Amino acid sequence: MSWFSAGAFAVIALGVAAFTYTLTTNIEPQPEYPVVMTKTMRLIGFAITTAAVVFALIMFGYAGLQYGW
């Protein structure tokens, strides 16, 4: 059962990636904020999304190694 916790963390990481991707794609420029701020928030959001996906892939790989095939 050591694979289960790694798999659970991977699924949670994919959920975080989907959540941050949804938030960053729906950001619209606001008149009271400069355009650079919106672009920076999108860049930070995509970086978080990418990191979460990479972490999920690593954890899925670890879970696969721990599973007794």
C-alpha atoms as a PDB file:
ATOM      1  CA  MET A   1       0.000   0.000   0.000  1.00  0.00           C
ATOM      2  CA  SER A   2       2.979   2.351  -0.142  1.00  0.00           C
ATOM      3  CA  TRP A   3       2.020   3.193  -3.710  1.00  0.00           C
ATOM      4  CA  PHE A   4      -1.369   4.538  -2.629  1.00  0.00           C
ATOM      5  CA  SER A   5      -0.090   7.681  -0.910  1.00  0.00           C
ATOM      6  CA  ALA A   6       2.137   8.543  -3.871  1.00  0.00           C
ATOM      7  CA  GLY A   7      -0.794   8.031  -6.228  1.00  0.00           C
ATOM      8  CA  ALA A   8      -3.033  10.178  -4.044  1.00  0.00           C
ATOM      9  CA  PHE A   9      -0.488  13.014  -4.035  1.00  0.00           C
ATOM     10  CA  ALA A  10      -0.246  12.726  -7.814  1.00  0.00           C
ATOM     11  CA  VAL A  11      -4.009  13.021  -8.224  1.00  0.00           C
ATOM     12  CA  ILE A  12      -4.087  16.029  -5.899  1.00  0.00           C
ATOM     13  CA  ALA A  13      -1.261  17.633  -7.881  1.00  0.00           C
ATOM     14  CA  LEU A  14      -3.230  17.146 -11.096  1.00  0.00           C
ATOM     15  CA  GLY A  15      -6.201  18.803  -9.423  1.00  0.00           C
ATOM     16  CA  VAL A  16      -4.034  21.766  -8.454  1.00  0.00           C
ATOM     17  CA  ALA A  17      -2.737  21.965 -12.021  1.00  0.00           C
ATOM     18  CA  ALA A  18      -6.260  21.970 -13.453  1.00  0.00           C
ATOM     19  CA  PHE A  19      -7.384  24.587 -10.933  1.00  0.00           C
ATOM     20  CA  THR A  20      -4.501  26.982 -11.587  1.00  0.00           C
ATOM     21  CA  TYR A  21      -4.797  26.491 -15.353  1.00  0.00           C
ATOM     22  CA  THR A  22      -8.491  27.381 -15.194  1.00  0.00           C
ATOM     23  CA  LEU A  23      -7.797  30.454 -13.087  1.00  0.00           C
ATOM     24  CA  THR A  24      -4.980  31.762 -15.263  1.00  0.00           C
ATOM     25  CA  THR A  25      -6.760  31.256 -18.591  1.00  0.00           C
ATOM     26  CA  ASN A  26      -9.795  33.213 -17.381  1.00  0.00           C
ATOM     27  CA  ILE A  27      -7.889  36.283 -16.183  1.00  0.00           C
ATOM     28  CA  GLU A  28      -9.038  39.409 -17.990  1.00  0.00           C
ATOM     29  CA  PRO A  29      -7.188  42.715 -17.861  1.00  0.00           C
ATOM     30  CA  GLN A  30      -8.705  45.131 -15.364  1.00  0.00           C
ATOM     31  CA  PRO A  31      -8.707  48.868 -16.019  1.00  0.00           C
ATOM     32  CA  GLU A  32      -7.262  49.707 -12.592  1.00  0.00           C
ATOM     33  CA  TYR A  33      -4.237  47.393 -13.046  1.00  0.00           C
ATOM     34  CA  PRO A  34      -1.493  47.657 -15.652  1.00  0.00           C
ATOM     35  CA  VAL A  35      -1.373  45.081 -18.461  1.00  0.00           C
ATOM     36  CA  VAL A  36       2.037  43.906 -17.249  1.00  0.00           C
ATOM     37  CA  MET A  37       0.464  42.776 -13.985  1.00  0.00           C
ATOM     38  CA  THR A  38      -2.051  40.580 -15.818  1.00  0.00           C
ATOM     39  CA  LYS A  39       0.663  39.042 -17.976  1.00  0.00           C
ATOM     40  CA  THR A  40       2.848  38.425 -14.930  1.00  0.00           C
ATOM     41  CA  MET A  41      -0.011  36.686 -13.122  1.00  0.00           C
ATOM     42  CA  ARG A  42      -0.586  34.468 -16.163  1.00  0.00           C
ATOM     43  CA  LEU A  43       3.104  33.598 -16.296  1.00  0.00           C
ATOM     44  CA  ILE A  44       3.195  32.739 -12.589  1.00  0.00           C
ATOM     45  CA  GLY A  45       0.022  30.664 -12.948  1.00  0.00           C
ATOM     46  CA  PHE A  46       1.405  28.698 -15.886  1.00  0.00           C
ATOM     47  CA  ALA A  47       4.634  28.096 -13.958  1.00  0.00           C
ATOM     48  CA  ILE A  48       2.636  26.697 -11.032  1.00  0.00           C
ATOM     49  CA  THR A  49       0.590  24.563 -13.435  1.00  0.00           C
ATOM     50  CA  THR A  50       3.713  23.183 -15.096  1.00  0.00           C
ATOM     51  CA  ALA A  51       5.355  22.431 -11.759  1.00  0.00           C
ATOM     52  CA  ALA A  52       2.228  20.627 -10.528  1.00  0.00           C
ATOM     53  CA  VAL A  53       2.053  18.485 -13.666  1.00  0.00           C
ATOM     54  CA  VAL A  54       5.739  17.568 -13.408  1.00  0.00           C
ATOM     55  CA  PHE A  55       5.317  16.718  -9.728  1.00  0.00           C
ATOM     56  CA  ALA A  56       2.281  14.558 -10.560  1.00  0.00           C
ATOM     57  CA  LEU A  57       4.213  12.675 -13.239  1.00  0.00           C
ATOM     58  CA  ILE A  58       7.076  12.033 -10.838  1.00  0.00           C
ATOM     59  CA  MET A  59       4.690  10.806  -8.148  1.00  0.00           C
ATOM     60  CA  PHE A  60       2.825   8.571 -10.602  1.00  0.00           C
ATOM     61  CA  GLY A  61       6.168   7.104 -11.649  1.00  0.00           C
ATOM     62  CA  TYR A  62       7.127   6.485  -8.038  1.00  0.00           C
ATOM     63  CA  ALA A  63       3.727   4.905  -7.340  1.00  0.00           C
ATOM     64  CA  GLY A  64       4.202   2.643 -10.339  1.00  0.00           C
ATOM     65  CA  LEU A  65       7.607   1.533  -9.053  1.00  0.00           C
ATOM     66  CA  GLN A  66       6.204   0.795  -5.590  1.00  0.00           C
ATOM     67  CA  TYR A  67       3.237  -1.162  -6.892  1.00  0.00           C
ATOM     68  CA  GLY A  68       3.854  -4.902  -6.841  1.00  0.00           C
ATOM     69  CA  TRP A  69       3.242  -5.816 -10.469  1.00  0.00           C
END
